[in-house]
Amino acid sequence: MFEQFYRVENSRNRATGGRGLGLTICSNIVEGHQGTISAYHSQDGGLGIQIEFPLN
């Protein structure tokens, strides 16, 4: 989920959606600060993202 998304079907393009980089960029930023990022099923429905950073 946190890897870059690659489109294999030509009918899906930039005009119909994003590049699939959002969570990859977030993951790189979080890991660069020695944090962790994870996904979970939200009780409110949909996807939740949890990010934790060390205090030191």
PDB file of N, CA and C in Angstrom:
ATOM      1  N   MET A   1       0.813  -1.191   0.000  1.00  0.00           N
ATOM      2  CA  MET A   1       0.000   0.000   0.000  1.00  0.00           C
ATOM      3  C   MET A   1       0.859   1.258   0.000  1.00  0.00           C
ATOM      4  N   PHE A   2       2.025   1.176   0.602  1.00  0.00           N
ATOM      5  CA  PHE A   2       2.881   2.351   0.695  1.00  0.00           C
ATOM      6  C   PHE A   2       3.932   2.387  -0.407  1.00  0.00           C
ATOM      7  N   GLU A   3       3.830   1.464  -1.365  1.00  0.00           N
ATOM      8  CA  GLU A   3       4.722   1.457  -2.521  1.00  0.00           C
ATOM      9  C   GLU A   3       4.099   2.302  -3.628  1.00  0.00           C
ATOM     10  N   GLN A   4       4.939   2.826  -4.516  1.00  0.00           N
ATOM     11  CA  GLN A   4       4.437   3.632  -5.626  1.00  0.00           C
ATOM     12  C   GLN A   4       3.498   2.808  -6.488  1.00  0.00           C
ATOM     13  N   PHE A   5       2.390   3.399  -6.890  1.00  0.00           N
ATOM     14  CA  PHE A   5       1.370   2.739  -7.704  1.00  0.00           C
ATOM     15  C   PHE A   5       1.732   2.884  -9.172  1.00  0.00           C
ATOM     16  N   TYR A   6       1.710   1.787  -9.884  1.00  0.00           N
ATOM     17  CA  TYR A   6       1.984   1.807 -11.322  1.00  0.00           C
ATOM     18  C   TYR A   6       0.735   1.407 -12.075  1.00  0.00           C
ATOM     19  N   ARG A   7       0.378   2.163 -13.067  1.00  0.00           N
ATOM     20  CA  ARG A   7      -0.781   1.848 -13.896  1.00  0.00           C
ATOM     21  C   ARG A   7      -0.362   0.884 -15.000  1.00  0.00           C
ATOM     22  N   VAL A   8      -1.112  -0.198 -15.153  1.00  0.00           N
ATOM     23  CA  VAL A   8      -0.813  -1.147 -16.211  1.00  0.00           C
ATOM     24  C   VAL A   8      -1.858  -1.100 -17.315  1.00  0.00           C
ATOM     25  N   GLU A   9      -2.937  -0.411 -17.062  1.00  0.00           N
ATOM     26  CA  GLU A   9      -4.019  -0.315 -18.038  1.00  0.00           C
ATOM     27  C   GLU A   9      -4.058   1.106 -18.595  1.00  0.00           C
ATOM     28  N   ASN A  10      -4.013   1.245 -19.914  1.00  0.00           N
ATOM     29  CA  ASN A  10      -3.959   2.567 -20.539  1.00  0.00           C
ATOM     30  C   ASN A  10      -5.245   3.373 -20.378  1.00  0.00           C
ATOM     31  N   SER A  11      -6.377   2.723 -20.092  1.00  0.00           N
ATOM     32  CA  SER A  11      -7.623   3.471 -19.956  1.00  0.00           C
ATOM     33  C   SER A  11      -7.630   4.334 -18.695  1.00  0.00           C
ATOM     34  N   ARG A  12      -6.761   4.018 -17.744  1.00  0.00           N
ATOM     35  CA  ARG A  12      -6.635   4.839 -16.533  1.00  0.00           C
ATOM     36  C   ARG A  12      -5.435   5.734 -16.717  1.00  0.00           C
ATOM     37  N   ASN A  13      -5.645   7.031 -16.657  1.00  0.00           N
ATOM     38  CA  ASN A  13      -4.545   7.959 -16.871  1.00  0.00           C
ATOM     39  C   ASN A  13      -4.638   9.121 -15.907  1.00  0.00           C
ATOM     40  N   ARG A  14      -3.749  10.070 -16.041  1.00  0.00           N
ATOM     41  CA  ARG A  14      -3.688  11.230 -15.136  1.00  0.00           C
ATOM     42  C   ARG A  14      -5.002  12.002 -15.120  1.00  0.00           C
ATOM     43  N   ALA A  15      -5.724  12.014 -16.242  1.00  0.00           N
ATOM     44  CA  ALA A  15      -6.988  12.753 -16.324  1.00  0.00           C
ATOM     45  C   ALA A  15      -8.075  12.124 -15.461  1.00  0.00           C
ATOM     46  N   THR A  16      -7.959  10.825 -15.154  1.00  0.00           N
ATOM     47  CA  THR A  16      -9.009  10.143 -14.383  1.00  0.00           C
ATOM     48  C   THR A  16      -8.587   9.824 -12.959  1.00  0.00           C
ATOM     49  N   GLY A  17      -7.419  10.268 -12.538  1.00  0.00           N
ATOM     50  CA  GLY A  17      -6.993   9.983 -11.175  1.00  0.00           C
ATOM     51  C   GLY A  17      -5.581  10.457 -10.918  1.00  0.00           C
ATOM     52  N   GLY A  18      -5.097  10.227  -9.708  1.00  0.00           N
ATOM     53  CA  GLY A  18      -3.769  10.674  -9.327  1.00  0.00           C
ATOM     54  C   GLY A  18      -2.667   9.780  -9.838  1.00  0.00           C
ATOM     55  N   ARG A  19      -1.466  10.080  -9.381  1.00  0.00           N
ATOM     56  CA  ARG A  19      -0.301   9.316  -9.809  1.00  0.00           C
ATOM     57  C   ARG A  19       0.014   8.157  -8.874  1.00  0.00           C
ATOM     58  N   GLY A  20      -0.675   8.055  -7.753  1.00  0.00           N
ATOM     59  CA  GLY A  20      -0.408   6.954  -6.830  1.00  0.00           C
ATOM     60  C   GLY A  20       0.849   7.167  -6.008  1.00  0.00           C
ATOM     61  N   LEU A  21       1.199   8.420  -5.739  1.00  0.00           N
ATOM     62  CA  LEU A  21       2.420   8.727  -4.998  1.00  0.00           C
ATOM     63  C   LEU A  21       2.168   9.195  -3.571  1.00  0.00           C
ATOM     64  N   GLY A  22       0.945   9.529  -3.234  1.00  0.00           N
ATOM     65  CA  GLY A  22       0.649  10.153  -1.948  1.00  0.00           C
ATOM     66  C   GLY A  22       1.154   9.391  -0.741  1.00  0.00           C
ATOM     67  N   LEU A  23       0.783   8.129  -0.605  1.00  0.00           N
ATOM     68  CA  LEU A  23       1.208   7.354   0.558  1.00  0.00           C
ATOM     69  C   LEU A  23       2.683   6.996   0.497  1.00  0.00           C
ATOM     70  N   THR A  24       3.235   6.890  -0.700  1.00  0.00           N
ATOM     71  CA  THR A  24       4.668   6.637  -0.839  1.00  0.00           C
ATOM     72  C   THR A  24       5.456   7.831  -0.318  1.00  0.00           C
ATOM     73  N   ILE A  25       5.041   9.032  -0.689  1.00  0.00           N
ATOM     74  CA  ILE A  25       5.711  10.242  -0.209  1.00  0.00           C
ATOM     75  C   ILE A  25       5.570  10.357   1.302  1.00  0.00           C
ATOM     76  N   CYS A  26       4.380  10.117   1.829  1.00  0.00           N
ATOM     77  CA  CYS A  26       4.161  10.164   3.287  1.00  0.00           C
ATOM     78  C   CYS A  26       5.060   9.164   3.995  1.00  0.00           C
ATOM     79  N   SER A  27       5.130   7.954   3.465  1.00  0.00           N
ATOM     80  CA  SER A  27       5.955   6.915   4.069  1.00  0.00           C
ATOM     81  C   SER A  27       7.420   7.320   4.102  1.00  0.00           C
ATOM     82  N   ASN A  28       7.921   7.895   3.012  1.00  0.00           N
ATOM     83  CA  ASN A  28       9.323   8.327   2.970  1.00  0.00           C
ATOM     84  C   ASN A  28       9.598   9.432   3.978  1.00  0.00           C
ATOM     85  N   ILE A  29       8.678  10.359   4.134  1.00  0.00           N
ATOM     86  CA  ILE A  29       8.846  11.439   5.115  1.00  0.00           C
ATOM     87  C   ILE A  29       8.859  10.886   6.530  1.00  0.00           C
ATOM     88  N   VAL A  30       7.889  10.024   6.837  1.00  0.00           N
ATOM     89  CA  VAL A  30       7.788   9.445   8.182  1.00  0.00           C
ATOM     90  C   VAL A  30       9.038   8.622   8.500  1.00  0.00           C
ATOM     91  N   GLU A  31       9.466   7.770   7.573  1.00  0.00           N
ATOM     92  CA  GLU A  31      10.654   6.951   7.803  1.00  0.00           C
ATOM     93  C   GLU A  31      11.907   7.815   7.927  1.00  0.00           C
ATOM     94  N   GLY A  32      11.959   8.929   7.204  1.00  0.00           N
ATOM     95  CA  GLY A  32      13.085   9.851   7.310  1.00  0.00           C
ATOM     96  C   GLY A  32      13.218  10.472   8.696  1.00  0.00           C
ATOM     97  N   HIS A  33      12.121  10.500   9.436  1.00  0.00           N
ATOM     98  CA  HIS A  33      12.107  11.019  10.809  1.00  0.00           C
ATOM     99  C   HIS A  33      12.054   9.884  11.833  1.00  0.00           C
ATOM    100  N   GLN A  34      12.442   8.684  11.421  1.00  0.00           N
ATOM    101  CA  GLN A  34      12.472   7.478  12.261  1.00  0.00           C
ATOM    102  C   GLN A  34      11.107   7.140  12.861  1.00  0.00           C
ATOM    103  N   GLY A  35      10.054   7.453  12.140  1.00  0.00           N
ATOM    104  CA  GLY A  35       8.704   7.140  12.590  1.00  0.00           C
ATOM    105  C   GLY A  35       8.162   5.902  11.906  1.00  0.00           C
ATOM    106  N   THR A  36       6.913   5.597  12.200  1.00  0.00           N
ATOM    107  CA  THR A  36       6.235   4.475  11.570  1.00  0.00           C
ATOM    108  C   THR A  36       4.906   4.948  11.008  1.00  0.00           C
ATOM    109  N   ILE A  37       4.480   4.304   9.948  1.00  0.00           N
ATOM    110  CA  ILE A  37       3.193   4.599   9.331  1.00  0.00           C
ATOM    111  C   ILE A  37       2.513   3.269   9.046  1.00  0.00           C
ATOM    112  N   SER A  38       1.223   3.205   9.321  1.00  0.00           N
ATOM    113  CA  SER A  38       0.470   1.978   9.071  1.00  0.00           C
ATOM    114  C   SER A  38      -0.969   2.325   8.711  1.00  0.00           C
ATOM    115  N   ALA A  39      -1.631   1.377   8.096  1.00  0.00           N
ATOM    116  CA  ALA A  39      -3.020   1.543   7.688  1.00  0.00           C
ATOM    117  C   ALA A  39      -3.892   0.572   8.466  1.00  0.00           C
ATOM    118  N   TYR A  40      -5.124   0.970   8.701  1.00  0.00           N
ATOM    119  CA  TYR A  40      -6.065   0.109   9.407  1.00  0.00           C
ATOM    120  C   TYR A  40      -7.479   0.409   8.932  1.00  0.00           C
ATOM    121  N   HIS A  41      -8.369  -0.522   9.193  1.00  0.00           N
ATOM    122  CA  HIS A  41      -9.779  -0.339   8.852  1.00  0.00           C
ATOM    123  C   HIS A  41     -10.409   0.558   9.915  1.00  0.00           C
ATOM    124  N   SER A  42     -10.909   1.701   9.497  1.00  0.00           N
ATOM    125  CA  SER A  42     -11.507   2.658  10.420  1.00  0.00           C
ATOM    126  C   SER A  42     -12.888   2.182  10.866  1.00  0.00           C
ATOM    127  N   GLN A  43     -13.207   2.376  12.125  1.00  0.00           N
ATOM    128  CA  GLN A  43     -14.534   2.023  12.644  1.00  0.00           C
ATOM    129  C   GLN A  43     -15.619   2.881  12.012  1.00  0.00           C
ATOM    130  N   ASP A  44     -15.252   4.071  11.531  1.00  0.00           N
ATOM    131  CA  ASP A  44     -16.199   4.958  10.872  1.00  0.00           C
ATOM    132  C   ASP A  44     -16.386   4.602   9.407  1.00  0.00           C
ATOM    133  N   GLY A  45     -15.669   3.585   8.953  1.00  0.00           N
ATOM    134  CA  GLY A  45     -15.713   3.177   7.553  1.00  0.00           C
ATOM    135  C   GLY A  45     -14.514   3.731   6.811  1.00  0.00           C
ATOM    136  N   GLY A  46     -14.055   3.018   5.848  1.00  0.00           N
ATOM    137  CA  GLY A  46     -12.926   3.470   5.056  1.00  0.00           C
ATOM    138  C   GLY A  46     -11.600   3.084   5.661  1.00  0.00           C
ATOM    139  N   LEU A  47     -10.586   3.817   5.283  1.00  0.00           N
ATOM    140  CA  LEU A  47      -9.210   3.534   5.659  1.00  0.00           C
ATOM    141  C   LEU A  47      -8.705   4.584   6.632  1.00  0.00           C
ATOM    142  N   GLY A  48      -8.009   4.132   7.654  1.00  0.00           N
ATOM    143  CA  GLY A  48      -7.350   5.033   8.589  1.00  0.00           C
ATOM    144  C   GLY A  48      -5.850   4.887   8.433  1.00  0.00           C
ATOM    145  N   ILE A  49      -5.128   5.966   8.626  1.00  0.00           N
ATOM    146  CA  ILE A  49      -3.667   5.949   8.576  1.00  0.00           C
ATOM    147  C   ILE A  49      -3.149   6.405   9.937  1.00  0.00           C
ATOM    148  N   GLN A  50      -2.270   5.607  10.533  1.00  0.00           N
ATOM    149  CA  GLN A  50      -1.676   5.953  11.826  1.00  0.00           C
ATOM    150  C   GLN A  50      -0.202   6.264  11.602  1.00  0.00           C
ATOM    151  N   ILE A  51       0.220   7.406  12.104  1.00  0.00           N
ATOM    152  CA  ILE A  51       1.612   7.847  12.002  1.00  0.00           C
ATOM    153  C   ILE A  51       2.127   8.092  13.414  1.00  0.00           C
ATOM    154  N   GLU A  52       3.299   7.531  13.711  1.00  0.00           N
ATOM    155  CA  GLU A  52       3.911   7.730  15.021  1.00  0.00           C
ATOM    156  C   GLU A  52       5.347   8.188  14.842  1.00  0.00           C
ATOM    157  N   PHE A  53       5.735   9.189  15.640  1.00  0.00           N
ATOM    158  CA  PHE A  53       7.105   9.697  15.627  1.00  0.00           C
ATOM    159  C   PHE A  53       7.697   9.514  17.013  1.00  0.00           C
ATOM    160  N   PRO A  54       9.009   9.258  17.101  1.00  0.00           N
ATOM    161  CA  PRO A  54       9.652   9.142  18.418  1.00  0.00           C
ATOM    162  C   PRO A  54       9.745  10.540  19.066  1.00  0.00           C
ATOM    163  N   LEU A  55       9.768  10.552  20.379  1.00  0.00           N
ATOM    164  CA  LEU A  55       9.842  11.824  21.108  1.00  0.00           C
ATOM    165  C   LEU A  55      11.257  12.377  21.173  1.00  0.00           C
ATOM    166  N   ASN A  56      12.249  11.563  20.976  1.00  0.00           N
ATOM    167  CA  ASN A  56      13.629  12.068  21.125  1.00  0.00           C
ATOM    168  C   ASN A  56      14.208  12.561  19.836  1.00  0.00           C
TER     169      ASN A  56
END
